[in-house]
């Protein structure tokens, strides 16, 4: 299994495609692993050198319970692979990491697409009352160290949202969403906190000059939809998009539609 050694961790990664092709880094969300991109990798790798990794506390990565820099982890992985510049597609927490890397090392980012993400330093937003109740459930499960229940409830709150109670979800998608996070049970209780860049990315969004696409699922949390609207306005030249009929994991919920959208964006910008 391929790993790259970084301070306090061994990051598991996978690559596919020709090493000389334009590099594309895929960064997973916080309720999944690098496996969330399985459906898109073959199509992406047809014209790109695709790189993906498990962040600390996820999947096959081995990490000590110490503070770390997500931007430094990305930089170390790219250095290990000899990649000078990369386009990044990142979901949720992965997008937060990608924004930190982009403002710290803009010369290494050719383009950036985020899905349901915010960025370090973003002003705190309020959840809707029902959403706050759901997050209170998560904190109670954390306090009780009920890791299996916490693992499943996180999937339900983030990835299995619908427009209304009568909207059915594809059972194949539901099973896959649970499985993607179940792989993280081996890291139950991991508490290492990512250290954001200083100044935070929010204060440096105006410096981004690469193509940026900021997206979100139609059924995502109130805060994530507000993050998407604000980031699309704050980043110079940024584009925005809402994936219909999707929550926090559109690339898995509607893989073909997501793939077509991402490939069209990459082609439009020559990335």
C-alpha atoms as a PDB file:
ATOM      1  CA  UNK A   1       0.000   0.000   0.000  1.00  0.00           C
ATOM      2  CA  UNK A   2       1.396   3.448  -0.901  1.00  0.00           C
ATOM      3  CA  UNK A   3       2.011   5.859   1.963  1.00  0.00           C
ATOM      4  CA  UNK A   4       3.797   9.174   2.338  1.00  0.00           C
ATOM      5  CA  UNK A   5       5.438   9.950   5.681  1.00  0.00           C
ATOM      6  CA  UNK A   6       4.551  13.338   7.181  1.00  0.00           C
ATOM      7  CA  UNK A   7       5.102  14.657  10.714  1.00  0.00           C
ATOM      8  CA  UNK A   8       2.917  12.535  12.983  1.00  0.00           C
ATOM      9  CA  UNK A   9       1.328  10.409  10.260  1.00  0.00           C
ATOM     10  CA  UNK A  10       1.589   8.120   7.250  1.00  0.00           C
ATOM     11  CA  UNK A  11      -0.893   9.278   4.623  1.00  0.00           C
ATOM     12  CA  UNK A  12      -2.410   6.561   2.460  1.00  0.00           C
ATOM     13  CA  UNK A  13      -2.867   7.618  -1.160  1.00  0.00           C
ATOM     14  CA  UNK A  14      -3.760   6.226  -4.564  1.00  0.00           C
ATOM     15  CA  UNK A  15      -3.032   7.431  -8.084  1.00  0.00           C
ATOM     16  CA  UNK A  16      -4.451   6.558 -11.463  1.00  0.00           C
ATOM     17  CA  UNK A  17      -3.733   7.790 -14.988  1.00  0.00           C
ATOM     18  CA  UNK A  18      -0.562   8.914 -16.742  1.00  0.00           C
ATOM     19  CA  UNK A  19       1.908  10.716 -14.486  1.00  0.00           C
ATOM     20  CA  UNK A  20       2.612  13.272 -17.213  1.00  0.00           C
ATOM     21  CA  UNK A  21      -1.050  14.259 -17.601  1.00  0.00           C
ATOM     22  CA  UNK A  22      -2.541  17.301 -15.847  1.00  0.00           C
ATOM     23  CA  UNK A  23      -2.766  16.484 -12.146  1.00  0.00           C
ATOM     24  CA  UNK A  24      -6.141  16.293 -10.397  1.00  0.00           C
ATOM     25  CA  UNK A  25      -6.341  15.969  -6.597  1.00  0.00           C
ATOM     26  CA  UNK A  26      -9.560  14.630  -5.036  1.00  0.00           C
ATOM     27  CA  UNK A  27     -10.085  15.364  -1.329  1.00  0.00           C
ATOM     28  CA  UNK A  28     -12.842  13.519   0.536  1.00  0.00           C
ATOM     29  CA  UNK A  29     -15.417  14.817   3.010  1.00  0.00           C
ATOM     30  CA  UNK A  30     -15.416  14.179   6.763  1.00  0.00           C
ATOM     31  CA  UNK A  31     -18.018  11.387   6.638  1.00  0.00           C
ATOM     32  CA  UNK A  32     -16.234   9.234   4.049  1.00  0.00           C
ATOM     33  CA  UNK A  33     -12.809   8.183   2.745  1.00  0.00           C
ATOM     34  CA  UNK A  34     -11.026   8.431  -0.602  1.00  0.00           C
ATOM     35  CA  UNK A  35     -13.366   5.643  -1.771  1.00  0.00           C
ATOM     36  CA  UNK A  36     -16.102   8.265  -2.248  1.00  0.00           C
ATOM     37  CA  UNK A  37     -14.534   9.114  -5.609  1.00  0.00           C
ATOM     38  CA  UNK A  38     -14.495   5.548  -6.959  1.00  0.00           C
ATOM     39  CA  UNK A  39     -17.249   6.181  -9.492  1.00  0.00           C
ATOM     40  CA  UNK A  40     -15.508   9.192 -11.066  1.00  0.00           C
ATOM     41  CA  UNK A  41     -11.867   8.081 -11.077  1.00  0.00           C
ATOM     42  CA  UNK A  42     -11.947   6.084 -14.359  1.00  0.00           C
ATOM     43  CA  UNK A  43     -13.394   9.002 -16.312  1.00  0.00           C
ATOM     44  CA  UNK A  44     -11.114  11.554 -14.631  1.00  0.00           C
ATOM     45  CA  UNK A  45      -8.044   9.385 -15.211  1.00  0.00           C
ATOM     46  CA  UNK A  46      -8.698   9.243 -18.960  1.00  0.00           C
ATOM     47  CA  UNK A  47      -7.189  12.718 -19.238  1.00  0.00           C
ATOM     48  CA  UNK A  48      -5.616  13.386 -15.847  1.00  0.00           C
ATOM     49  CA  UNK A  49      -3.139  12.040 -13.321  1.00  0.00           C
ATOM     50  CA  UNK A  50      -5.625  11.469 -10.508  1.00  0.00           C
ATOM     51  CA  UNK A  51      -4.410  11.651  -6.902  1.00  0.00           C
ATOM     52  CA  UNK A  52      -6.513  10.963  -3.824  1.00  0.00           C
ATOM     53  CA  UNK A  53      -5.639  10.325  -0.195  1.00  0.00           C
ATOM     54  CA  UNK A  54      -7.171   9.537   3.192  1.00  0.00           C
ATOM     55  CA  UNK A  55      -6.876  12.506   5.530  1.00  0.00           C
ATOM     56  CA  UNK A  56      -5.739  12.006   9.120  1.00  0.00           C
ATOM     57  CA  UNK A  57      -8.336  10.130  11.131  1.00  0.00           C
ATOM     58  CA  UNK A  58      -9.807   8.465   8.043  1.00  0.00           C
ATOM     59  CA  UNK A  59      -9.550   5.278   6.027  1.00  0.00           C
ATOM     60  CA  UNK A  60      -6.155   3.635   5.751  1.00  0.00           C
ATOM     61  CA  UNK A  61      -4.088   6.612   6.917  1.00  0.00           C
ATOM     62  CA  UNK A  62      -2.150   6.085  10.160  1.00  0.00           C
ATOM     63  CA  UNK A  63      -1.888   9.148  12.395  1.00  0.00           C
ATOM     64  CA  UNK A  64      -0.876  10.158  15.892  1.00  0.00           C
ATOM     65  CA  UNK A  65      -3.327  12.239  17.934  1.00  0.00           C
ATOM     66  CA  UNK A  66      -1.430  15.514  17.401  1.00  0.00           C
ATOM     67  CA  UNK A  67      -2.290  18.835  15.791  1.00  0.00           C
ATOM     68  CA  UNK A  68      -1.456  19.055  12.094  1.00  0.00           C
ATOM     69  CA  UNK A  69      -1.595  21.289   9.048  1.00  0.00           C
ATOM     70  CA  UNK A  70      -3.883  19.955   6.276  1.00  0.00           C
ATOM     71  CA  UNK A  71      -2.231  22.347   3.807  1.00  0.00           C
ATOM     72  CA  UNK A  72       1.186  20.945   4.704  1.00  0.00           C
ATOM     73  CA  UNK A  73      -0.121  17.391   4.233  1.00  0.00           C
ATOM     74  CA  UNK A  74      -1.321  18.228   0.707  1.00  0.00           C
ATOM     75  CA  UNK A  75       1.988  19.923  -0.081  1.00  0.00           C
ATOM     76  CA  UNK A  76       3.956  16.907   1.165  1.00  0.00           C
ATOM     77  CA  UNK A  77       1.872  14.504  -0.919  1.00  0.00           C
ATOM     78  CA  UNK A  78       2.348  16.552  -4.090  1.00  0.00           C
ATOM     79  CA  UNK A  79       6.080  16.894  -3.408  1.00  0.00           C
ATOM     80  CA  UNK A  80       6.333  13.131  -2.909  1.00  0.00           C
ATOM     81  CA  UNK A  81       4.716  12.566  -6.301  1.00  0.00           C
ATOM     82  CA  UNK A  82       6.738  15.274  -8.046  1.00  0.00           C
ATOM     83  CA  UNK A  83       3.633  17.287  -8.922  1.00  0.00           C
ATOM     84  CA  UNK A  84       4.297  21.004  -9.312  1.00  0.00           C
ATOM     85  CA  UNK A  85       0.699  22.187  -9.765  1.00  0.00           C
ATOM     86  CA  UNK A  86      -2.714  20.562  -9.471  1.00  0.00           C
ATOM     87  CA  UNK A  87      -6.419  21.118  -9.907  1.00  0.00           C
ATOM     88  CA  UNK A  88      -8.392  20.219  -6.781  1.00  0.00           C
ATOM     89  CA  UNK A  89     -11.926  18.866  -6.427  1.00  0.00           C
ATOM     90  CA  UNK A  90     -12.851  18.645  -2.754  1.00  0.00           C
ATOM     91  CA  UNK A  91     -15.942  17.907  -0.681  1.00  0.00           C
ATOM     92  CA  UNK A  92     -16.880  19.516   2.658  1.00  0.00           C
ATOM     93  CA  UNK A  93     -13.926  19.285   5.079  1.00  0.00           C
ATOM     94  CA  UNK A  94     -11.758  18.502   2.065  1.00  0.00           C
ATOM     95  CA  UNK A  95     -12.718  21.854   0.579  1.00  0.00           C
ATOM     96  CA  UNK A  96     -11.703  23.612   3.791  1.00  0.00           C
ATOM     97  CA  UNK A  97      -8.287  21.961   3.490  1.00  0.00           C
ATOM     98  CA  UNK A  98      -8.098  22.889  -0.201  1.00  0.00           C
ATOM     99  CA  UNK A  99      -8.843  26.573   0.446  1.00  0.00           C
ATOM    100  CA  UNK A 100      -6.041  26.681   3.027  1.00  0.00           C
ATOM    101  CA  UNK A 101      -3.644  25.148   0.530  1.00  0.00           C
ATOM    102  CA  UNK A 102      -4.786  27.459  -2.272  1.00  0.00           C
ATOM    103  CA  UNK A 103      -4.197  30.685  -0.318  1.00  0.00           C
ATOM    104  CA  UNK A 104      -0.854  29.440   1.018  1.00  0.00           C
ATOM    105  CA  UNK A 105       0.451  27.992  -2.265  1.00  0.00           C
ATOM    106  CA  UNK A 106      -1.553  29.621  -5.086  1.00  0.00           C
ATOM    107  CA  UNK A 107       1.188  28.882  -7.613  1.00  0.00           C
ATOM    108  CA  UNK A 108       0.486  25.171  -7.107  1.00  0.00           C
ATOM    109  CA  UNK A 109      -3.282  25.317  -7.674  1.00  0.00           C
ATOM    110  CA  UNK A 110      -4.481  25.522 -11.285  1.00  0.00           C
ATOM    111  CA  UNK A 111      -8.171  25.319 -10.429  1.00  0.00           C
ATOM    112  CA  UNK A 112     -10.439  24.568  -7.457  1.00  0.00           C
ATOM    113  CA  UNK A 113     -13.906  23.052  -7.180  1.00  0.00           C
ATOM    114  CA  UNK A 114     -15.500  22.692  -3.754  1.00  0.00           C
ATOM    115  CA  UNK A 115     -18.701  20.894  -2.722  1.00  0.00           C
ATOM    116  CA  UNK A 116     -20.525  21.863   0.473  1.00  0.00           C
ATOM    117  CA  UNK A 117     -17.427  23.534   1.927  1.00  0.00           C
ATOM    118  CA  UNK A 118     -16.529  26.580   3.947  1.00  0.00           C
ATOM    119  CA  UNK A 119     -13.036  27.916   4.675  1.00  0.00           C
ATOM    120  CA  UNK A 120     -10.923  28.717   7.709  1.00  0.00           C
ATOM    121  CA  UNK A 121     -11.920  31.994   9.372  1.00  0.00           C
ATOM    122  CA  UNK A 122     -15.431  32.031   7.919  1.00  0.00           C
ATOM    123  CA  UNK A 123     -17.764  33.867  10.329  1.00  0.00           C
ATOM    124  CA  UNK A 124     -19.857  31.465  12.400  1.00  0.00           C
ATOM    125  CA  UNK A 125     -23.366  30.858  11.077  1.00  0.00           C
ATOM    126  CA  UNK A 126     -26.416  29.572  12.934  1.00  0.00           C
ATOM    127  CA  UNK A 127     -28.011  26.229  12.182  1.00  0.00           C
ATOM    128  CA  UNK A 128     -31.751  25.972  11.722  1.00  0.00           C
ATOM    129  CA  UNK A 129     -33.482  24.850  14.976  1.00  0.00           C
ATOM    130  CA  UNK A 130     -34.039  21.279  13.764  1.00  0.00           C
ATOM    131  CA  UNK A 131     -30.447  21.064  12.546  1.00  0.00           C
ATOM    132  CA  UNK A 132     -29.160  22.266  15.930  1.00  0.00           C
ATOM    133  CA  UNK A 133     -31.148  19.510  17.638  1.00  0.00           C
ATOM    134  CA  UNK A 134     -29.530  16.954  15.350  1.00  0.00           C
ATOM    135  CA  UNK A 135     -26.041  18.222  16.169  1.00  0.00           C
ATOM    136  CA  UNK A 136     -26.865  18.115  19.862  1.00  0.00           C
ATOM    137  CA  UNK A 137     -27.536  14.397  19.287  1.00  0.00           C
ATOM    138  CA  UNK A 138     -24.055  14.009  17.830  1.00  0.00           C
ATOM    139  CA  UNK A 139     -22.433  15.693  20.821  1.00  0.00           C
ATOM    140  CA  UNK A 140     -24.382  13.443  23.194  1.00  0.00           C
ATOM    141  CA  UNK A 141     -23.210  10.339  21.317  1.00  0.00           C
ATOM    142  CA  UNK A 142     -19.628  11.642  21.395  1.00  0.00           C
ATOM    143  CA  UNK A 143     -19.857  12.219  25.143  1.00  0.00           C
ATOM    144  CA  UNK A 144     -21.139   8.663  25.602  1.00  0.00           C
ATOM    145  CA  UNK A 145     -18.349   7.294  23.364  1.00  0.00           C
ATOM    146  CA  UNK A 146     -21.011   5.416  21.387  1.00  0.00           C
ATOM    147  CA  UNK A 147     -18.873   5.335  18.266  1.00  0.00           C
ATOM    148  CA  UNK A 148     -21.000   3.013  16.077  1.00  0.00           C
ATOM    149  CA  UNK A 149     -24.153   5.059  16.718  1.00  0.00           C
ATOM    150  CA  UNK A 150     -22.251   8.309  16.192  1.00  0.00           C
ATOM    151  CA  UNK A 151     -20.777   6.995  12.934  1.00  0.00           C
ATOM    152  CA  UNK A 152     -24.221   6.149  11.521  1.00  0.00           C
ATOM    153  CA  UNK A 153     -25.955   9.294  12.803  1.00  0.00           C
ATOM    154  CA  UNK A 154     -23.326  11.492  11.171  1.00  0.00           C
ATOM    155  CA  UNK A 155     -24.126   9.873   7.834  1.00  0.00           C
ATOM    156  CA  UNK A 156     -27.835  10.470   8.333  1.00  0.00           C
ATOM    157  CA  UNK A 157     -27.481  14.114   9.337  1.00  0.00           C
ATOM    158  CA  UNK A 158     -24.986  15.069   6.631  1.00  0.00           C
ATOM    159  CA  UNK A 159     -25.521  12.757   3.677  1.00  0.00           C
ATOM    160  CA  UNK A 160     -29.042  11.340   3.897  1.00  0.00           C
ATOM    161  CA  UNK A 161     -30.934  14.629   3.960  1.00  0.00           C
ATOM    162  CA  UNK A 162     -33.945  15.080   1.693  1.00  0.00           C
ATOM    163  CA  UNK A 163     -36.147  17.927   0.562  1.00  0.00           C
ATOM    164  CA  UNK A 164     -39.051  16.626   2.642  1.00  0.00           C
ATOM    165  CA  UNK A 165     -39.960  13.559   4.668  1.00  0.00           C
ATOM    166  CA  UNK A 166     -41.753  11.944   1.746  1.00  0.00           C
ATOM    167  CA  UNK A 167     -38.772  12.138  -0.624  1.00  0.00           C
ATOM    168  CA  UNK A 168     -37.334   8.625  -1.079  1.00  0.00           C
ATOM    169  CA  UNK A 169     -33.599   7.950  -1.225  1.00  0.00           C
ATOM    170  CA  UNK A 170     -32.046   5.322  -3.476  1.00  0.00           C
ATOM    171  CA  UNK A 171     -31.353   2.350  -1.147  1.00  0.00           C
ATOM    172  CA  UNK A 172     -28.102   1.626  -3.021  1.00  0.00           C
ATOM    173  CA  UNK A 173     -26.902   5.161  -2.254  1.00  0.00           C
ATOM    174  CA  UNK A 174     -27.977   4.852   1.397  1.00  0.00           C
ATOM    175  CA  UNK A 175     -26.033   1.608   1.833  1.00  0.00           C
ATOM    176  CA  UNK A 176     -22.952   3.125   0.185  1.00  0.00           C
ATOM    177  CA  UNK A 177     -23.120   6.263   2.318  1.00  0.00           C
ATOM    178  CA  UNK A 178     -23.145   4.191   5.512  1.00  0.00           C
ATOM    179  CA  UNK A 179     -20.289   2.000   4.221  1.00  0.00           C
ATOM    180  CA  UNK A 180     -18.096   4.992   3.359  1.00  0.00           C
ATOM    181  CA  UNK A 181     -18.152   6.205   6.942  1.00  0.00           C
ATOM    182  CA  UNK A 182     -18.094   2.747   8.554  1.00  0.00           C
ATOM    183  CA  UNK A 183     -14.532   2.465   7.249  1.00  0.00           C
ATOM    184  CA  UNK A 184     -13.618   5.248   9.697  1.00  0.00           C
ATOM    185  CA  UNK A 185     -14.719   3.388  12.844  1.00  0.00           C
ATOM    186  CA  UNK A 186     -11.149   2.174  13.254  1.00  0.00           C
ATOM    187  CA  UNK A 187     -10.283   5.800  14.118  1.00  0.00           C
ATOM    188  CA  UNK A 188     -13.095   6.270  16.659  1.00  0.00           C
ATOM    189  CA  UNK A 189     -12.147   8.866  19.232  1.00  0.00           C
ATOM    190  CA  UNK A 190      -9.429  10.452  17.080  1.00  0.00           C
ATOM    191  CA  UNK A 191      -9.238  14.050  18.273  1.00  0.00           C
ATOM    192  CA  UNK A 192      -6.286  15.612  16.452  1.00  0.00           C
ATOM    193  CA  UNK A 193      -7.286  19.095  15.357  1.00  0.00           C
ATOM    194  CA  UNK A 194      -6.295  20.586  12.002  1.00  0.00           C
ATOM    195  CA  UNK A 195      -4.417  23.858  12.366  1.00  0.00           C
ATOM    196  CA  UNK A 196      -5.684  26.445   9.852  1.00  0.00           C
ATOM    197  CA  UNK A 197      -3.407  28.809   8.015  1.00  0.00           C
ATOM    198  CA  UNK A 198      -2.665  32.233   9.485  1.00  0.00           C
ATOM    199  CA  UNK A 199      -4.126  34.614   8.356  1.00  0.00           C
ATOM    200  CA  UNK A 200      -7.139  32.359   7.684  1.00  0.00           C
ATOM    201  CA  UNK A 201      -8.318  31.625   4.159  1.00  0.00           C
ATOM    202  CA  UNK A 202     -11.435  33.790   4.578  1.00  0.00           C
ATOM    203  CA  UNK A 203      -9.258  36.902   4.833  1.00  0.00           C
ATOM    204  CA  UNK A 204      -7.355  35.959   1.662  1.00  0.00           C
ATOM    205  CA  UNK A 205     -10.129  34.827  -0.681  1.00  0.00           C
ATOM    206  CA  UNK A 206      -9.647  37.995  -2.753  1.00  0.00           C
ATOM    207  CA  UNK A 207      -6.134  36.846  -3.659  1.00  0.00           C
ATOM    208  CA  UNK A 208      -7.337  33.748  -5.520  1.00  0.00           C
ATOM    209  CA  UNK A 209      -6.925  34.101  -9.274  1.00  0.00           C
ATOM    210  CA  UNK A 210      -7.333  30.502 -10.476  1.00  0.00           C
ATOM    211  CA  UNK A 211     -10.705  29.244 -11.775  1.00  0.00           C
ATOM    212  CA  UNK A 212     -12.921  28.474  -8.774  1.00  0.00           C
ATOM    213  CA  UNK A 213     -16.245  26.618  -8.804  1.00  0.00           C
ATOM    214  CA  UNK A 214     -18.181  26.651  -5.524  1.00  0.00           C
ATOM    215  CA  UNK A 215     -20.995  24.091  -5.345  1.00  0.00           C
ATOM    216  CA  UNK A 216     -23.475  22.672  -2.866  1.00  0.00           C
ATOM    217  CA  UNK A 217     -26.317  20.167  -2.772  1.00  0.00           C
ATOM    218  CA  UNK A 218     -29.869  21.492  -2.860  1.00  0.00           C
ATOM    219  CA  UNK A 219     -30.682  19.586   0.345  1.00  0.00           C
ATOM    220  CA  UNK A 220     -27.495  20.355   2.275  1.00  0.00           C
ATOM    221  CA  UNK A 221     -27.520  22.003   5.690  1.00  0.00           C
ATOM    222  CA  UNK A 222     -28.615  25.635   5.957  1.00  0.00           C
ATOM    223  CA  UNK A 223     -25.086  26.723   6.853  1.00  0.00           C
ATOM    224  CA  UNK A 224     -23.475  24.920   3.910  1.00  0.00           C
ATOM    225  CA  UNK A 225     -25.877  26.529   1.460  1.00  0.00           C
ATOM    226  CA  UNK A 226     -25.076  29.932   2.927  1.00  0.00           C
ATOM    227  CA  UNK A 227     -21.328  29.208   2.754  1.00  0.00           C
ATOM    228  CA  UNK A 228     -21.708  28.390  -0.944  1.00  0.00           C
ATOM    229  CA  UNK A 229     -23.577  31.619  -1.719  1.00  0.00           C
ATOM    230  CA  UNK A 230     -21.099  33.764   0.187  1.00  0.00           C
ATOM    231  CA  UNK A 231     -17.957  32.127  -1.232  1.00  0.00           C
ATOM    232  CA  UNK A 232     -19.254  32.452  -4.795  1.00  0.00           C
ATOM    233  CA  UNK A 233     -19.654  36.187  -4.185  1.00  0.00           C
ATOM    234  CA  UNK A 234     -16.406  36.771  -2.278  1.00  0.00           C
ATOM    235  CA  UNK A 235     -13.963  34.972  -4.597  1.00  0.00           C
ATOM    236  CA  UNK A 236     -13.116  37.035  -7.693  1.00  0.00           C
ATOM    237  CA  UNK A 237     -14.547  35.437 -10.836  1.00  0.00           C
ATOM    238  CA  UNK A 238     -15.865  32.388  -8.964  1.00  0.00           C
ATOM    239  CA  UNK A 239     -18.695  30.341 -10.419  1.00  0.00           C
ATOM    240  CA  UNK A 240     -21.451  28.756  -8.366  1.00  0.00           C
ATOM    241  CA  UNK A 241     -23.681  25.739  -8.803  1.00  0.00           C
ATOM    242  CA  UNK A 242     -26.367  23.886  -6.836  1.00  0.00           C
ATOM    243  CA  UNK A 243     -26.761  20.140  -7.433  1.00  0.00           C
ATOM    244  CA  UNK A 244     -30.494  19.422  -7.528  1.00  0.00           C
ATOM    245  CA  UNK A 245     -31.897  16.581  -5.474  1.00  0.00           C
ATOM    246  CA  UNK A 246     -28.654  16.065  -3.546  1.00  0.00           C
ATOM    247  CA  UNK A 247     -27.435  16.658  -0.008  1.00  0.00           C
ATOM    248  CA  UNK A 248     -23.807  16.743   1.171  1.00  0.00           C
ATOM    249  CA  UNK A 249     -22.500  13.938  -1.054  1.00  0.00           C
ATOM    250  CA  UNK A 250     -23.637  14.661  -4.643  1.00  0.00           C
ATOM    251  CA  UNK A 251     -20.757  12.752  -6.264  1.00  0.00           C
ATOM    252  CA  UNK A 252     -22.081   9.530  -4.701  1.00  0.00           C
ATOM    253  CA  UNK A 253     -25.781  10.341  -4.674  1.00  0.00           C
ATOM    254  CA  UNK A 254     -25.825  11.255  -8.380  1.00  0.00           C
ATOM    255  CA  UNK A 255     -22.450  10.025  -9.703  1.00  0.00           C
ATOM    256  CA  UNK A 256     -23.111  10.309 -13.446  1.00  0.00           C
ATOM    257  CA  UNK A 257     -24.473  13.848 -13.182  1.00  0.00           C
ATOM    258  CA  UNK A 258     -21.601  14.937 -10.967  1.00  0.00           C
ATOM    259  CA  UNK A 259     -19.033  13.390 -13.286  1.00  0.00           C
ATOM    260  CA  UNK A 260     -20.468  15.135 -16.341  1.00  0.00           C
ATOM    261  CA  UNK A 261     -20.557  18.481 -14.526  1.00  0.00           C
ATOM    262  CA  UNK A 262     -16.967  18.189 -13.257  1.00  0.00           C
ATOM    263  CA  UNK A 263     -15.571  17.067 -16.614  1.00  0.00           C
ATOM    264  CA  UNK A 264     -17.317  19.957 -18.390  1.00  0.00           C
ATOM    265  CA  UNK A 265     -15.839  22.446 -15.890  1.00  0.00           C
ATOM    266  CA  UNK A 266     -12.345  20.994 -16.308  1.00  0.00           C
ATOM    267  CA  UNK A 267     -12.622  21.154 -20.102  1.00  0.00           C
ATOM    268  CA  UNK A 268     -14.060  24.677 -20.118  1.00  0.00           C
ATOM    269  CA  UNK A 269     -11.044  25.985 -18.223  1.00  0.00           C
ATOM    270  CA  UNK A 270      -8.418  23.790 -19.884  1.00  0.00           C
ATOM    271  CA  UNK A 271      -7.560  22.123 -16.606  1.00  0.00           C
END
